[in-house]
Amino acid sequence: LAATLWAQGDRAGARALLEQVVEARRRVLGAEHPDTVTSMNILASTLGPQGVRARVRALLEQVLKALRRIPG
């Protein structure tokens, strides 16, 4: 759904939905679960064109930290 919203030009809607997904996955799966990390990376990609550079950097640092700990 977030990808569809993005494609239709609803950047704010895509961002809001992805933020909900990241928070839900953190809560249910944990911060370092591969699906959570993937969602964080997608959210960072969505935020980049919106000019939220500090948030993008923070998310990508979290992604990198988690990837270093995830086996395989």
N, C-alpha and C. Protein backbone atom coordinates (compact mmCIF):
# COMPACT_ATOMS: atom_id res chain seq x y z
N LEU A 1 0.84 -1.20 0.00
CA LEU A 1 0.00 0.00 0.00
C LEU A 1 0.87 1.26 0.00
N ALA A 2 1.94 1.24 0.78
CA ALA A 2 2.83 2.40 0.83
C ALA A 2 3.43 2.68 -0.54
N ALA A 3 3.81 1.62 -1.25
CA ALA A 3 4.37 1.79 -2.59
C ALA A 3 3.34 2.40 -3.54
N THR A 4 2.10 1.98 -3.41
CA THR A 4 1.04 2.54 -4.25
C THR A 4 0.81 4.00 -3.92
N LEU A 5 0.77 4.33 -2.63
CA LEU A 5 0.61 5.73 -2.23
C LEU A 5 1.75 6.58 -2.79
N TRP A 6 2.97 6.05 -2.68
CA TRP A 6 4.14 6.77 -3.19
C TRP A 6 4.01 7.01 -4.70
N ALA A 7 3.64 5.96 -5.42
CA ALA A 7 3.51 6.06 -6.88
C ALA A 7 2.43 7.06 -7.29
N GLN A 8 1.42 7.21 -6.45
CA GLN A 8 0.34 8.14 -6.74
C GLN A 8 0.67 9.56 -6.28
N GLY A 9 1.86 9.74 -5.72
CA GLY A 9 2.28 11.06 -5.29
C GLY A 9 1.92 11.42 -3.87
N ASP A 10 1.38 10.49 -3.13
CA ASP A 10 1.01 10.74 -1.74
C ASP A 10 2.19 10.39 -0.84
N ARG A 11 3.21 11.25 -0.85
CA ARG A 11 4.43 11.00 -0.07
C ARG A 11 4.14 10.96 1.43
N ALA A 12 3.31 11.87 1.89
CA ALA A 12 3.00 11.91 3.33
C ALA A 12 2.25 10.65 3.76
N GLY A 13 1.33 10.18 2.94
CA GLY A 13 0.60 8.96 3.26
C GLY A 13 1.50 7.75 3.30
N ALA A 14 2.41 7.66 2.33
CA ALA A 14 3.37 6.54 2.29
C ALA A 14 4.27 6.58 3.52
N ARG A 15 4.73 7.75 3.86
CA ARG A 15 5.61 7.91 5.03
C ARG A 15 4.89 7.50 6.31
N ALA A 16 3.68 7.98 6.49
CA ALA A 16 2.92 7.66 7.70
C ALA A 16 2.69 6.15 7.82
N LEU A 17 2.33 5.53 6.72
CA LEU A 17 2.08 4.09 6.74
C LEU A 17 3.36 3.32 7.05
N LEU A 18 4.46 3.69 6.44
CA LEU A 18 5.73 3.01 6.69
C LEU A 18 6.20 3.20 8.13
N GLU A 19 5.97 4.36 8.69
CA GLU A 19 6.32 4.58 10.09
C GLU A 19 5.51 3.66 11.00
N GLN A 20 4.25 3.45 10.67
CA GLN A 20 3.41 2.52 11.44
C GLN A 20 3.92 1.09 11.31
N VAL A 21 4.32 0.72 10.10
CA VAL A 21 4.84 -0.63 9.86
C VAL A 21 6.11 -0.87 10.67
N VAL A 22 7.03 0.11 10.63
CA VAL A 22 8.29 -0.04 11.38
C VAL A 22 8.00 -0.19 12.87
N GLU A 23 7.14 0.64 13.41
CA GLU A 23 6.84 0.56 14.84
C GLU A 23 6.16 -0.77 15.20
N ALA A 24 5.25 -1.22 14.37
CA ALA A 24 4.57 -2.50 14.64
C ALA A 24 5.56 -3.66 14.57
N ARG A 25 6.43 -3.64 13.59
CA ARG A 25 7.41 -4.73 13.47
C ARG A 25 8.41 -4.70 14.62
N ARG A 26 8.80 -3.51 15.05
CA ARG A 26 9.69 -3.43 16.23
C ARG A 26 9.02 -4.05 17.45
N ARG A 27 7.78 -3.71 17.62
CA ARG A 27 7.03 -4.19 18.79
C ARG A 27 6.81 -5.70 18.74
N VAL A 28 6.44 -6.21 17.58
CA VAL A 28 6.07 -7.63 17.46
C VAL A 28 7.29 -8.52 17.20
N LEU A 29 8.18 -8.09 16.30
CA LEU A 29 9.29 -8.94 15.88
C LEU A 29 10.61 -8.61 16.56
N GLY A 30 10.75 -7.38 17.00
CA GLY A 30 12.01 -6.93 17.59
C GLY A 30 12.77 -6.02 16.64
N ALA A 31 13.64 -5.21 17.20
CA ALA A 31 14.35 -4.18 16.44
C ALA A 31 15.34 -4.74 15.43
N GLU A 32 15.84 -5.95 15.67
CA GLU A 32 16.86 -6.49 14.77
C GLU A 32 16.36 -7.65 13.92
N HIS A 33 15.07 -7.85 13.88
CA HIS A 33 14.52 -8.88 13.00
C HIS A 33 14.71 -8.41 11.54
N PRO A 34 15.07 -9.32 10.65
CA PRO A 34 15.29 -8.93 9.25
C PRO A 34 14.13 -8.17 8.61
N ASP A 35 12.90 -8.54 8.92
CA ASP A 35 11.75 -7.82 8.34
C ASP A 35 11.65 -6.40 8.88
N THR A 36 11.98 -6.21 10.16
CA THR A 36 11.98 -4.88 10.74
C THR A 36 13.05 -4.03 10.08
N VAL A 37 14.23 -4.60 9.92
CA VAL A 37 15.35 -3.89 9.31
C VAL A 37 15.02 -3.51 7.86
N THR A 38 14.40 -4.42 7.14
CA THR A 38 13.99 -4.13 5.77
C THR A 38 13.00 -2.97 5.74
N SER A 39 12.05 -2.98 6.64
CA SER A 39 11.07 -1.89 6.69
C SER A 39 11.72 -0.56 7.04
N MET A 40 12.70 -0.59 7.93
CA MET A 40 13.43 0.63 8.28
C MET A 40 14.19 1.18 7.06
N ASN A 41 14.78 0.28 6.29
CA ASN A 41 15.50 0.69 5.09
C ASN A 41 14.55 1.30 4.06
N ILE A 42 13.38 0.70 3.89
CA ILE A 42 12.38 1.24 2.96
C ILE A 42 11.90 2.62 3.43
N LEU A 43 11.67 2.76 4.74
CA LEU A 43 11.27 4.05 5.27
C LEU A 43 12.35 5.10 5.01
N ALA A 44 13.60 4.74 5.22
CA ALA A 44 14.70 5.67 4.97
C ALA A 44 14.72 6.09 3.50
N SER A 45 14.49 5.14 2.60
CA SER A 45 14.44 5.44 1.17
C SER A 45 13.30 6.40 0.84
N THR A 46 12.21 6.26 1.54
CA THR A 46 11.05 7.12 1.33
C THR A 46 11.31 8.53 1.87
N LEU A 47 12.01 8.60 2.99
CA LEU A 47 12.27 9.90 3.61
C LEU A 47 13.31 10.71 2.86
N GLY A 48 14.23 10.03 2.18
CA GLY A 48 15.32 10.73 1.48
C GLY A 48 14.84 11.85 0.58
N PRO A 49 13.95 11.57 -0.37
CA PRO A 49 13.47 12.63 -1.26
C PRO A 49 12.62 13.70 -0.56
N GLN A 50 12.22 13.44 0.66
CA GLN A 50 11.41 14.41 1.40
C GLN A 50 12.27 15.38 2.20
N GLY A 51 13.60 15.21 2.11
CA GLY A 51 14.51 16.16 2.75
C GLY A 51 14.66 16.00 4.24
N VAL A 52 14.36 14.84 4.76
CA VAL A 52 14.46 14.59 6.21
C VAL A 52 15.78 13.87 6.46
N ARG A 53 16.86 14.54 6.16
CA ARG A 53 18.18 13.92 6.15
C ARG A 53 18.63 13.39 7.51
N ALA A 54 18.36 14.11 8.57
CA ALA A 54 18.79 13.64 9.90
C ALA A 54 18.08 12.33 10.25
N ARG A 55 16.80 12.24 9.94
CA ARG A 55 16.05 11.02 10.22
C ARG A 55 16.53 9.88 9.33
N VAL A 56 16.83 10.18 8.08
CA VAL A 56 17.34 9.16 7.16
C VAL A 56 18.65 8.60 7.69
N ARG A 57 19.53 9.49 8.07
CA ARG A 57 20.84 9.06 8.59
C ARG A 57 20.67 8.19 9.83
N ALA A 58 19.82 8.60 10.76
CA ALA A 58 19.60 7.83 11.99
C ALA A 58 19.05 6.44 11.66
N LEU A 59 18.09 6.38 10.76
CA LEU A 59 17.52 5.08 10.37
C LEU A 59 18.57 4.19 9.72
N LEU A 60 19.35 4.75 8.80
CA LEU A 60 20.35 3.97 8.11
C LEU A 60 21.46 3.50 9.05
N GLU A 61 21.78 4.30 10.05
CA GLU A 61 22.76 3.86 11.06
C GLU A 61 22.20 2.69 11.86
N GLN A 62 20.91 2.73 12.19
CA GLN A 62 20.27 1.62 12.89
C GLN A 62 20.25 0.37 12.02
N VAL A 63 19.97 0.56 10.73
CA VAL A 63 19.94 -0.56 9.79
C VAL A 63 21.32 -1.21 9.72
N LEU A 64 22.35 -0.40 9.56
CA LEU A 64 23.70 -0.93 9.47
C LEU A 64 24.10 -1.67 10.75
N LYS A 65 23.78 -1.09 11.88
CA LYS A 65 24.10 -1.72 13.17
C LYS A 65 23.40 -3.09 13.28
N ALA A 66 22.14 -3.14 12.90
CA ALA A 66 21.39 -4.40 12.98
C ALA A 66 21.93 -5.42 11.98
N LEU A 67 22.27 -4.97 10.77
CA LEU A 67 22.78 -5.89 9.75
C LEU A 67 24.09 -6.53 10.18
N ARG A 68 24.87 -5.81 10.92
CA ARG A 68 26.14 -6.35 11.43
C ARG A 68 25.91 -7.47 12.45
N ARG A 69 24.75 -7.46 13.08
CA ARG A 69 24.44 -8.46 14.10
C ARG A 69 23.62 -9.64 13.58
N ILE A 70 22.96 -9.44 12.44
CA ILE A 70 22.10 -10.49 11.90
C ILE A 70 22.98 -11.54 11.20
N PRO A 71 22.87 -12.79 11.58
CA PRO A 71 23.67 -13.83 10.93
C PRO A 71 23.32 -13.97 9.46
N GLY A 72 24.34 -14.27 8.67
CA GLY A 72 24.11 -14.51 7.24
C GLY A 72 24.06 -13.26 6.49
